[in-house]
Protein backbone atom coordinates (compact mmCIF):
# COMPACT_ATOMS: atom_id res chain seq x y z
CA UNK A 1 60.49 -148.25 -190.54
CA UNK A 2 61.94 -144.77 -190.75
CA UNK A 3 60.48 -142.15 -188.37
CA UNK A 4 60.15 -138.62 -189.67
CA UNK A 5 62.15 -135.90 -187.98
CA UNK A 6 59.10 -133.99 -186.46
CA UNK A 7 57.73 -137.25 -184.94
CA UNK A 8 61.14 -138.27 -183.60
CA UNK A 9 61.52 -134.80 -182.00
CA UNK A 10 58.09 -135.18 -180.43
CA UNK A 11 58.91 -138.60 -179.07
CA UNK A 12 62.19 -137.29 -177.66
CA UNK A 13 60.30 -134.40 -175.93
CA UNK A 14 57.72 -136.75 -174.42
CA UNK A 15 60.44 -139.14 -173.26
CA UNK A 16 62.28 -136.27 -171.64
CA UNK A 17 59.15 -135.22 -169.79
CA UNK A 18 58.54 -138.76 -168.51
CA UNK A 19 62.17 -139.10 -167.38
CA UNK A 20 62.05 -135.69 -165.66
CA UNK A 21 58.80 -136.54 -163.92
CA UNK A 22 60.15 -139.90 -162.72
CA UNK A 23 63.31 -138.25 -161.39
CA UNK A 24 61.48 -135.45 -159.64
CA UNK A 25 61.84 -135.42 -155.87
CA UNK A 26 59.04 -136.66 -153.71
CA UNK A 27 58.43 -136.16 -150.02
CA UNK A 28 60.00 -139.06 -148.12
CA UNK A 29 57.86 -140.35 -145.26
CA UNK A 30 59.24 -142.35 -142.34
CA UNK A 31 57.56 -145.76 -141.87
CA UNK A 32 58.33 -146.39 -138.20
CA UNK A 33 56.41 -145.35 -135.13
CA UNK A 34 55.67 -141.86 -133.86
CA UNK A 35 58.42 -142.36 -131.27
CA UNK A 36 60.88 -143.24 -134.02
CA UNK A 37 60.00 -140.08 -135.90
CA UNK A 38 60.83 -137.74 -133.01
CA UNK A 39 63.90 -139.73 -132.09
CA UNK A 40 65.28 -139.31 -135.66
CA UNK A 41 64.29 -135.62 -135.68
CA UNK A 42 66.26 -134.99 -132.50
CA UNK A 43 69.27 -136.94 -133.72
CA UNK A 44 69.33 -135.12 -137.08
CA UNK A 45 68.30 -131.72 -135.65
CA UNK A 46 65.27 -131.48 -137.96
CA UNK A 47 61.68 -130.44 -137.59
CA UNK A 48 58.73 -132.81 -137.96
CA UNK A 49 55.96 -132.77 -140.56
CA UNK A 50 52.96 -134.97 -139.77
CA UNK A 51 50.23 -135.48 -142.31
CA UNK A 52 47.13 -137.05 -140.80
CA UNK A 53 45.40 -139.00 -143.56
CA UNK A 54 43.15 -141.94 -144.29
CA UNK A 55 43.82 -144.60 -146.92
CA UNK A 56 40.13 -144.59 -147.88
CA UNK A 57 40.11 -140.84 -148.44
CA UNK A 58 40.58 -139.73 -152.09
CA UNK A 59 41.28 -136.15 -150.95
CA UNK A 60 44.16 -137.44 -148.85
CA UNK A 61 45.82 -139.17 -151.77
CA UNK A 62 45.20 -136.13 -154.00
CA UNK A 63 46.81 -133.82 -151.39
CA UNK A 64 49.83 -136.14 -151.08
CA UNK A 65 50.29 -136.07 -154.87
CA UNK A 66 49.77 -132.29 -154.87
CA UNK A 67 52.69 -131.78 -152.48
CA UNK A 68 54.94 -133.73 -154.85
CA UNK A 69 54.05 -131.53 -157.78
CA UNK A 70 55.01 -128.25 -156.17
CA UNK A 71 58.46 -127.13 -157.43
CA UNK A 72 61.18 -127.51 -154.80
CA UNK A 73 58.79 -128.34 -151.95
CA UNK A 74 59.84 -132.00 -151.57
CA UNK A 75 63.50 -130.91 -151.41
CA UNK A 76 62.70 -128.55 -148.51
CA UNK A 77 60.74 -131.22 -146.68
CA UNK A 78 63.44 -133.84 -147.14
CA UNK A 79 66.21 -131.46 -146.07
CA UNK A 80 64.58 -129.74 -143.09
CA UNK A 81 61.92 -132.19 -141.86
CA UNK A 82 61.32 -135.77 -140.83
CA UNK A 83 58.00 -136.40 -142.51
CA UNK A 84 55.39 -138.89 -141.26
CA UNK A 85 52.22 -139.79 -143.03
CA UNK A 86 49.60 -141.19 -140.67
CA UNK A 87 46.93 -143.59 -141.93
CA UNK A 88 44.10 -143.62 -139.41
CA UNK A 89 43.22 -147.15 -140.49
CA UNK A 90 46.59 -148.49 -139.34
CA UNK A 91 46.47 -149.15 -135.54
CA UNK A 92 50.17 -148.43 -135.05
CA UNK A 93 49.75 -145.01 -136.65
CA UNK A 94 46.28 -144.15 -135.36
CA UNK A 95 47.67 -143.06 -132.01
CA UNK A 96 49.00 -139.90 -133.70
CA UNK A 97 45.45 -139.00 -134.78
CA UNK A 98 44.23 -139.71 -131.24
CA UNK A 99 46.86 -137.42 -129.73
CA UNK A 100 46.06 -134.59 -132.11
CA UNK A 101 42.31 -135.28 -132.03
CA UNK A 102 42.45 -135.09 -135.79
CA UNK A 103 38.95 -135.97 -136.99
CA UNK A 104 39.31 -134.09 -140.31
CA UNK A 105 41.61 -135.37 -143.04
CA UNK A 106 43.94 -134.62 -144.66
CA UNK A 107 45.40 -132.39 -141.96
CA UNK A 108 49.02 -131.24 -141.78
CA UNK A 109 51.06 -130.38 -138.68
CA UNK A 110 54.52 -128.77 -138.36
CA UNK A 111 56.41 -129.43 -135.12
CA UNK A 112 59.83 -129.00 -133.68
CA UNK A 113 61.82 -132.00 -132.57
CA UNK A 114 60.55 -131.65 -128.98
CA UNK A 115 56.86 -131.87 -129.94
CA UNK A 116 55.95 -128.21 -129.96
CA UNK A 117 53.38 -127.41 -132.69
CA UNK A 118 54.79 -124.62 -134.88
CA UNK A 119 51.80 -124.52 -137.25
CA UNK A 120 48.81 -126.57 -138.27
CA UNK A 121 46.19 -126.23 -140.96
CA UNK A 122 46.48 -125.05 -144.54
CA UNK A 123 48.24 -122.09 -146.19
CA UNK A 124 46.26 -119.10 -147.36
CA UNK A 125 47.75 -119.45 -150.83
CA UNK A 126 47.49 -121.58 -153.98
CA UNK A 127 50.76 -123.34 -153.28
CA UNK A 128 51.95 -124.94 -150.04
CA UNK A 129 54.78 -122.57 -149.19
CA UNK A 130 56.35 -123.62 -145.91
CA UNK A 131 59.08 -120.99 -145.73
CA UNK A 132 56.69 -118.87 -143.65
CA UNK A 133 54.79 -121.07 -141.20
CA UNK A 134 52.81 -118.05 -139.97
CA UNK A 135 50.84 -118.26 -143.22
CA UNK A 136 49.64 -121.79 -142.33
CA UNK A 137 46.61 -121.65 -140.05
CA UNK A 138 43.01 -122.54 -139.42
CA UNK A 139 40.27 -119.99 -138.61
CA UNK A 140 39.44 -119.90 -134.88
CA UNK A 141 35.76 -120.59 -135.48
CA UNK A 142 36.48 -123.54 -137.81
CA UNK A 143 38.95 -124.85 -135.30
CA UNK A 144 36.23 -125.06 -132.64
CA UNK A 145 33.81 -126.77 -135.03
CA UNK A 146 36.27 -129.33 -136.41
CA UNK A 147 38.05 -130.25 -133.19
CA UNK A 148 35.05 -129.83 -130.89
CA UNK A 149 37.16 -128.23 -128.19
CA UNK A 150 36.26 -125.33 -126.01
CA UNK A 151 39.72 -123.81 -125.96
CA UNK A 152 41.69 -121.49 -128.21
CA UNK A 153 44.08 -122.71 -130.88
CA UNK A 154 47.01 -121.59 -128.77
CA UNK A 155 45.83 -123.62 -125.77
CA UNK A 156 45.24 -126.56 -128.09
CA UNK A 157 48.91 -126.50 -129.11
CA UNK A 158 49.94 -126.52 -125.43
CA UNK A 159 47.46 -129.31 -124.58
CA UNK A 160 48.78 -131.48 -127.42
CA UNK A 161 52.39 -130.69 -126.52
CA UNK A 162 52.02 -132.15 -122.99
CA UNK A 163 49.95 -135.13 -124.20
CA UNK A 164 52.44 -135.93 -126.99
CA UNK A 165 55.42 -135.76 -124.65
CA UNK A 166 53.59 -137.89 -122.06
CA UNK A 167 53.07 -140.48 -124.80
CA UNK A 168 56.68 -140.38 -125.96
CA UNK A 169 58.00 -140.66 -122.43
CA UNK A 170 55.71 -143.51 -121.56
CA UNK A 171 56.70 -145.37 -124.74
CA UNK A 172 60.30 -145.19 -123.69
CA UNK A 173 59.52 -147.01 -120.42
CA UNK A 174 59.00 -150.79 -120.77
CA UNK A 175 55.61 -152.13 -119.61
CA UNK A 176 55.58 -152.70 -115.83
CA UNK A 177 59.13 -151.34 -115.50
CA UNK A 178 60.30 -147.92 -114.50
CA UNK A 179 58.24 -145.03 -113.13
CA UNK A 180 55.51 -143.20 -115.00
CA UNK A 181 55.44 -140.34 -112.49
CA UNK A 182 56.68 -137.66 -114.95
CA UNK A 183 54.56 -138.97 -117.85
CA UNK A 184 51.52 -138.78 -115.52
CA UNK A 185 52.38 -135.24 -114.56
CA UNK A 186 52.60 -134.24 -118.23
CA UNK A 187 49.24 -135.85 -118.98
CA UNK A 188 47.64 -133.99 -116.03
CA UNK A 189 49.05 -130.69 -117.34
CA UNK A 190 47.41 -131.46 -120.65
CA UNK A 191 44.08 -132.07 -118.89
CA UNK A 192 44.39 -128.81 -116.98
CA UNK A 193 44.50 -126.92 -120.30
CA UNK A 194 41.65 -128.83 -121.95
CA UNK A 195 39.94 -132.19 -121.66
CA UNK A 196 39.60 -134.61 -124.54
CA UNK A 197 39.42 -138.42 -124.67
CA UNK A 198 43.11 -139.07 -125.19
CA UNK A 199 44.61 -137.06 -122.33
CA UNK A 200 41.94 -138.37 -119.95
CA UNK A 201 42.81 -141.89 -121.13
CA UNK A 202 46.47 -141.18 -120.44
CA UNK A 203 45.87 -140.12 -116.87
CA UNK A 204 43.66 -143.19 -116.37
CA UNK A 205 46.20 -145.55 -117.96
CA UNK A 206 49.27 -144.16 -116.22
CA UNK A 207 47.47 -144.09 -112.85
CA UNK A 208 46.36 -147.66 -113.21
CA UNK A 209 49.86 -148.79 -114.17
CA UNK A 210 51.24 -146.92 -111.18
CA UNK A 211 48.83 -148.49 -108.70
CA UNK A 212 46.90 -145.23 -108.19
CA UNK A 213 43.56 -146.94 -108.55
CA UNK A 214 41.40 -144.28 -106.97
CA UNK A 215 42.76 -141.64 -109.36
CA UNK A 216 42.36 -144.11 -112.25
CA UNK A 217 38.70 -144.76 -111.35
CA UNK A 218 37.87 -141.04 -111.26
CA UNK A 219 39.48 -140.46 -114.65
CA UNK A 220 37.68 -143.41 -116.14
CA UNK A 221 34.42 -141.66 -115.25
CA UNK A 222 35.71 -138.36 -116.69
CA UNK A 223 36.61 -140.21 -119.88
CA UNK A 224 33.10 -141.56 -120.24
CA UNK A 225 31.69 -138.08 -119.67
CA UNK A 226 33.84 -136.57 -122.47
CA UNK A 227 33.43 -139.30 -125.08
CA UNK A 228 30.79 -138.51 -127.71
CA UNK A 229 29.53 -140.09 -130.90
CA UNK A 230 31.87 -137.84 -132.88
CA UNK A 231 34.84 -139.47 -131.11
CA UNK A 232 33.90 -143.02 -132.09
CA UNK A 233 36.15 -143.43 -135.13
CA UNK A 234 39.25 -142.16 -133.33
CA UNK A 235 38.71 -143.53 -129.86
CA UNK A 236 36.36 -146.56 -129.89
CA UNK A 237 39.26 -149.02 -129.99
CA UNK A 238 40.91 -147.15 -127.13
CA UNK A 239 37.69 -147.37 -125.08
CA UNK A 240 37.36 -151.11 -125.81
CA UNK A 241 40.94 -151.63 -124.72
CA UNK A 242 40.09 -150.54 -121.17
CA UNK A 243 36.84 -152.48 -120.98
CA UNK A 244 34.48 -149.68 -121.98
CA UNK A 245 31.98 -149.78 -124.81
CA UNK A 246 32.86 -147.83 -127.93
CA UNK A 247 29.16 -146.97 -128.12
CA UNK A 248 28.94 -145.55 -124.61
CA UNK A 249 28.51 -141.90 -125.52
CA UNK A 250 28.05 -138.88 -123.28
CA UNK A 251 24.56 -137.34 -123.66
CA UNK A 252 26.02 -134.02 -124.86
CA UNK A 253 29.48 -132.87 -125.98
CA UNK A 254 31.57 -131.68 -123.09
CA UNK A 255 32.28 -128.46 -124.99
CA UNK A 256 28.66 -127.32 -125.05
CA UNK A 257 28.01 -124.06 -123.25
CA UNK A 258 26.18 -124.35 -119.93
CA UNK A 259 25.48 -120.60 -119.95
CA UNK A 260 23.10 -120.30 -122.88
CA UNK A 261 20.40 -122.88 -122.26
CA UNK A 262 18.25 -123.89 -125.22
CA UNK A 263 14.69 -125.15 -124.92
CA UNK A 264 15.61 -127.83 -127.44
CA UNK A 265 19.08 -128.77 -128.70
CA UNK A 266 17.45 -130.79 -131.43
CA UNK A 267 14.55 -129.76 -133.68
CA UNK A 268 12.86 -132.44 -135.72
CA UNK A 269 10.96 -131.58 -138.95
CA UNK A 270 9.70 -134.55 -140.90
CA UNK A 271 7.72 -134.71 -144.13
CA UNK A 272 9.36 -131.60 -145.58
CA UNK A 273 8.59 -131.12 -149.26
CA UNK A 274 11.73 -131.09 -151.38
CA UNK A 275 12.55 -127.71 -152.85
CA UNK A 276 10.61 -125.82 -150.22
CA UNK A 277 11.94 -123.55 -147.44
CA UNK A 278 11.78 -124.80 -143.90
CA UNK A 279 11.59 -122.05 -141.25
CA UNK A 280 12.71 -122.95 -137.76
CA UNK A 281 13.56 -121.27 -134.42
CA UNK A 282 15.76 -122.20 -131.46
CA UNK A 283 14.81 -120.42 -128.16
CA UNK A 284 17.35 -119.87 -125.39
CA UNK A 285 17.84 -118.27 -121.98
CA UNK A 286 21.04 -116.74 -120.51
CA UNK A 287 21.39 -118.59 -117.21
CA UNK A 288 24.78 -117.03 -116.39
CA UNK A 289 25.50 -113.97 -114.28
CA UNK A 290 27.04 -111.97 -117.16
CA UNK A 291 26.07 -110.77 -120.68
CA UNK A 292 26.64 -113.23 -123.52
CA UNK A 293 27.06 -112.11 -127.12
CA UNK A 294 26.47 -114.54 -129.99
CA UNK A 295 29.33 -113.90 -132.39
CA UNK A 296 28.36 -116.23 -135.20
CA UNK A 297 25.87 -118.97 -136.13
CA UNK A 298 26.73 -121.22 -139.01
CA UNK A 299 26.34 -124.51 -140.83
CA UNK A 300 28.88 -126.13 -143.14
CA UNK A 301 26.93 -125.20 -146.25
CA UNK A 302 24.99 -122.18 -147.49
CA UNK A 303 21.72 -124.11 -147.60
CA UNK A 304 20.77 -122.60 -144.23
CA UNK A 305 20.47 -118.86 -143.44
CA UNK A 306 20.46 -117.55 -139.87
CA UNK A 307 19.36 -114.53 -137.91
CA UNK A 308 20.37 -113.99 -134.25
CA UNK A 309 20.43 -111.06 -131.75
CA UNK A 310 23.07 -108.50 -132.55
CA UNK A 311 23.23 -107.24 -128.96
CA UNK A 312 24.51 -109.11 -125.93
CA UNK A 313 21.91 -111.18 -124.04
CA UNK A 314 21.71 -110.03 -120.42
CA UNK A 315 21.52 -112.48 -117.49
CA UNK A 316 18.04 -114.13 -117.28
CA UNK A 317 17.05 -112.68 -120.67
CA UNK A 318 15.71 -114.85 -123.43
CA UNK A 319 16.24 -114.83 -127.16
CA UNK A 320 15.93 -116.77 -130.37
CA UNK A 321 17.93 -117.94 -133.35
CA UNK A 322 15.87 -118.05 -136.54
CA UNK A 323 16.80 -120.06 -139.59
CA UNK A 324 15.68 -120.96 -143.08
CA UNK A 325 16.67 -124.30 -144.57
CA UNK A 326 16.49 -124.26 -148.34
CA UNK A 327 15.83 -127.92 -149.03
CA UNK A 328 17.02 -129.68 -152.17
CA UNK A 329 18.27 -133.22 -151.65
CA UNK A 330 15.63 -135.81 -150.75
CA UNK A 331 15.94 -138.23 -147.81
CA UNK A 332 16.93 -138.02 -144.13
CA UNK A 333 18.99 -135.04 -142.96
CA UNK A 334 20.79 -134.06 -139.79
CA UNK A 335 22.15 -130.52 -139.99
CA UNK A 336 24.73 -129.54 -137.40
CA UNK A 337 24.43 -125.88 -136.37
CA UNK A 338 27.28 -124.16 -134.51
CA UNK A 339 26.57 -121.24 -132.21
CA UNK A 340 29.75 -119.27 -131.34
CA UNK A 341 29.67 -116.94 -128.36
CA UNK A 342 31.97 -114.91 -126.21
CA UNK A 343 31.38 -116.84 -122.96
CA UNK A 344 33.84 -119.17 -121.25
CA UNK A 345 32.23 -122.15 -122.96
CA UNK A 346 32.25 -120.58 -126.38
CA UNK A 347 30.50 -123.15 -128.61
CA UNK A 348 27.04 -124.67 -128.61
CA UNK A 349 26.10 -127.42 -131.06
CA UNK A 350 22.45 -127.70 -132.18
CA UNK A 351 20.79 -130.09 -134.63
CA UNK A 352 18.04 -129.77 -137.20
CA UNK A 353 16.84 -133.26 -138.22
CA UNK A 354 14.13 -134.83 -140.29
CA UNK A 355 13.18 -136.11 -143.75
CA UNK A 356 12.83 -134.30 -147.08
CA UNK A 357 10.22 -135.99 -149.27
């Protein structure tokens, strides 16, 4: 059968597109361990790109495909970086998520070959331009909410740097052979900057392996006190590995402010009629010796509006946060409310729970 010229031209064009697409560069991801990635990066004098993801997350796969569609980006990654895609459902890879405390996916990190975080978060642009890492960031408030840490982003990068290097150094020492003294010191430096389950676990584990049982016992208790229900996915297997229950949660997140004391951290409102507005109030007292200013109160969606004092709350003074929940979806709800303040413990997490009928 003879094919007309216009159709043959169209087929040639489509075939060219398919061939071009199949030949287009894609980001190459290393398949070894986290230790392998940094070893290769140092040997080849490259930086490290780590993408924390989850094989059950459609957004993660979409983001991976998105990176491959950006003109020239894969070439830059493959030339300048050793890239590592972490699947939190793969035990061998999950440790990276534990070190970074990455509970939100997909989440990208850029590091140098020595484990220093150069940038983390997403670019403030349509494309993912990595020629200027200063444009890749996460808002300070969102950082506190996502990572549930009571430290700044800068301190977070330092905390992770020491924890990551403690891990890499310990991995290079065979079990029950060699000394973990320096790895333990690095883990302790990480804890001094900020506590989270993984660096507390490191101090516990390294102490136990080094025969420092009294220190290990004290850090086991600190680990229990800093492990919350939000940490279960990342750290339950780690807790089980040292004989602790993955369901043994601290009563309140360690990041919660001790300075602004609320009458109730949880308000329960059942039998709310769908489509109606629910008015609620959280009362608090400043129990510190200095003024505290509430900088922001927010929930992840716009279904809740807030009002809070615009002036600083003086020591021993009381105040209130008022809210309106515009209900829509029926069924149980648990709304997490974040109160950002200028005190040393700068975040307080509240809950509004109940059932919309």
